[in-house]
Amino acid sequence: MDVRMAKSKAGHDKDQIYVIIKEDREYVYLADGKYRSVGNPKRKNKKHIQMIRHIPKEAAELLEQKAVPGDPEIKRALKLYQMRENSRSED
């Protein structure tokens, strides 16, 4: 699986970080492992998200362990990403 994360640019979930579960031509399906599970992903228009290019190595490895990551892996990967971003902003 090609691990990708995205940040919501519009809507009530603006600035929320998600893992992209799947996509089609116009939409992406997003999960955060807590409010939006793999079984019930959020459908979002591609123009309303911003792709995250630099994913921490540990998070990418965690998400690539399975063909489709589960909610616990997604939650942990997003937490690793947030920790990295928080440490960057402190520098």
Protein backbone atom coordinates (compact mmCIF):
# COMPACT_ATOMS: atom_id res chain seq x y z
CA MET A 1 0.00 0.00 0.00
CA ASP A 2 1.22 3.45 -0.84
CA VAL A 3 0.92 5.30 2.48
CA ARG A 4 -0.53 8.75 2.18
CA MET A 5 -1.84 11.28 4.62
CA ALA A 6 -3.88 14.38 3.98
CA LYS A 7 -5.01 17.51 5.79
CA SER A 8 -8.54 18.80 5.37
CA LYS A 9 -8.62 22.31 3.89
CA ALA A 10 -12.38 22.90 4.09
CA GLY A 11 -15.45 21.90 6.04
CA HIS A 12 -16.18 21.37 9.71
CA ASP A 13 -13.10 19.14 9.93
CA LYS A 14 -10.71 21.81 8.62
CA ASP A 15 -7.06 21.17 9.65
CA GLN A 16 -7.82 17.56 10.66
CA ILE A 17 -5.19 15.01 9.59
CA TYR A 18 -6.30 11.72 8.02
CA VAL A 19 -4.89 8.63 6.38
CA ILE A 20 -6.16 8.03 2.85
CA ILE A 21 -7.79 4.59 2.73
CA LYS A 22 -8.80 4.64 -0.94
CA GLU A 23 -9.61 7.04 -3.72
CA ASP A 24 -11.51 7.29 -6.95
CA ARG A 25 -11.47 9.91 -9.66
CA GLU A 26 -13.13 12.70 -7.68
CA TYR A 27 -13.07 11.64 -4.02
CA VAL A 28 -10.75 10.29 -1.35
CA TYR A 29 -11.87 8.17 1.56
CA LEU A 30 -10.26 9.17 4.83
CA ALA A 31 -9.91 7.58 8.26
CA ASP A 32 -8.49 8.83 11.54
CA GLY A 33 -9.01 5.60 13.48
CA LYS A 34 -11.15 7.33 16.12
CA TYR A 35 -14.08 9.31 14.74
CA ARG A 36 -13.74 7.94 11.22
CA SER A 37 -12.89 4.26 11.17
CA VAL A 38 -11.65 2.13 8.30
CA GLY A 39 -15.14 0.62 8.13
CA ASN A 40 -16.80 4.05 7.90
CA PRO A 41 -14.36 6.42 6.16
CA LYS A 42 -15.09 10.06 5.41
CA ARG A 43 -15.66 10.80 1.73
CA LYS A 44 -14.07 14.10 0.77
CA ASN A 45 -13.63 15.91 -2.51
CA LYS A 46 -9.98 15.87 -3.63
CA LYS A 47 -9.91 19.64 -4.02
CA HIS A 48 -10.70 20.02 -0.30
CA ILE A 49 -7.59 18.23 0.95
CA GLN A 50 -3.88 18.98 1.03
CA MET A 51 -1.57 16.00 0.60
CA ILE A 52 1.11 15.56 3.26
CA ARG A 53 4.40 14.75 1.60
CA HIS A 54 6.70 14.04 4.53
CA ILE A 55 5.41 11.19 6.65
CA PRO A 56 7.61 10.01 9.54
CA LYS A 57 9.38 6.76 8.71
CA GLU A 58 7.94 5.02 11.78
CA ALA A 59 4.39 6.00 10.78
CA ALA A 60 4.86 4.81 7.20
CA GLU A 61 6.26 1.47 8.39
CA LEU A 62 3.36 1.04 10.80
CA LEU A 63 0.79 1.64 8.05
CA GLU A 64 2.55 -0.60 5.54
CA GLN A 65 2.48 -3.68 7.79
CA LYS A 66 -0.94 -4.72 6.45
CA ALA A 67 -2.62 -4.40 3.04
CA VAL A 68 -5.25 -2.21 4.70
CA PRO A 69 -4.22 -0.74 8.05
CA GLY A 70 -6.61 -1.06 10.97
CA ASP A 71 -7.85 1.70 13.23
CA PRO A 72 -5.16 1.14 15.92
CA GLU A 73 -2.38 1.47 13.33
CA ILE A 74 -3.95 4.60 11.89
CA LYS A 75 -4.32 6.21 15.32
CA ARG A 76 -0.69 5.44 16.19
CA ALA A 77 0.61 6.71 12.84
CA LEU A 78 -1.32 9.98 13.18
CA LYS A 79 0.00 10.38 16.73
CA LEU A 80 3.58 9.89 15.47
CA TYR A 81 2.96 12.50 12.77
CA GLN A 82 1.56 15.00 15.31
CA MET A 83 4.51 14.43 17.66
CA ARG A 84 6.94 15.15 14.82
CA GLU A 85 5.08 18.29 13.82
CA ASN A 86 4.97 19.51 17.43
CA SER A 87 8.72 18.98 17.84
CA ARG A 88 9.34 20.87 14.58
CA SER A 89 7.33 23.88 15.74
CA GLU A 90 9.31 24.01 19.00
CA ASP A 91 12.63 24.32 17.12
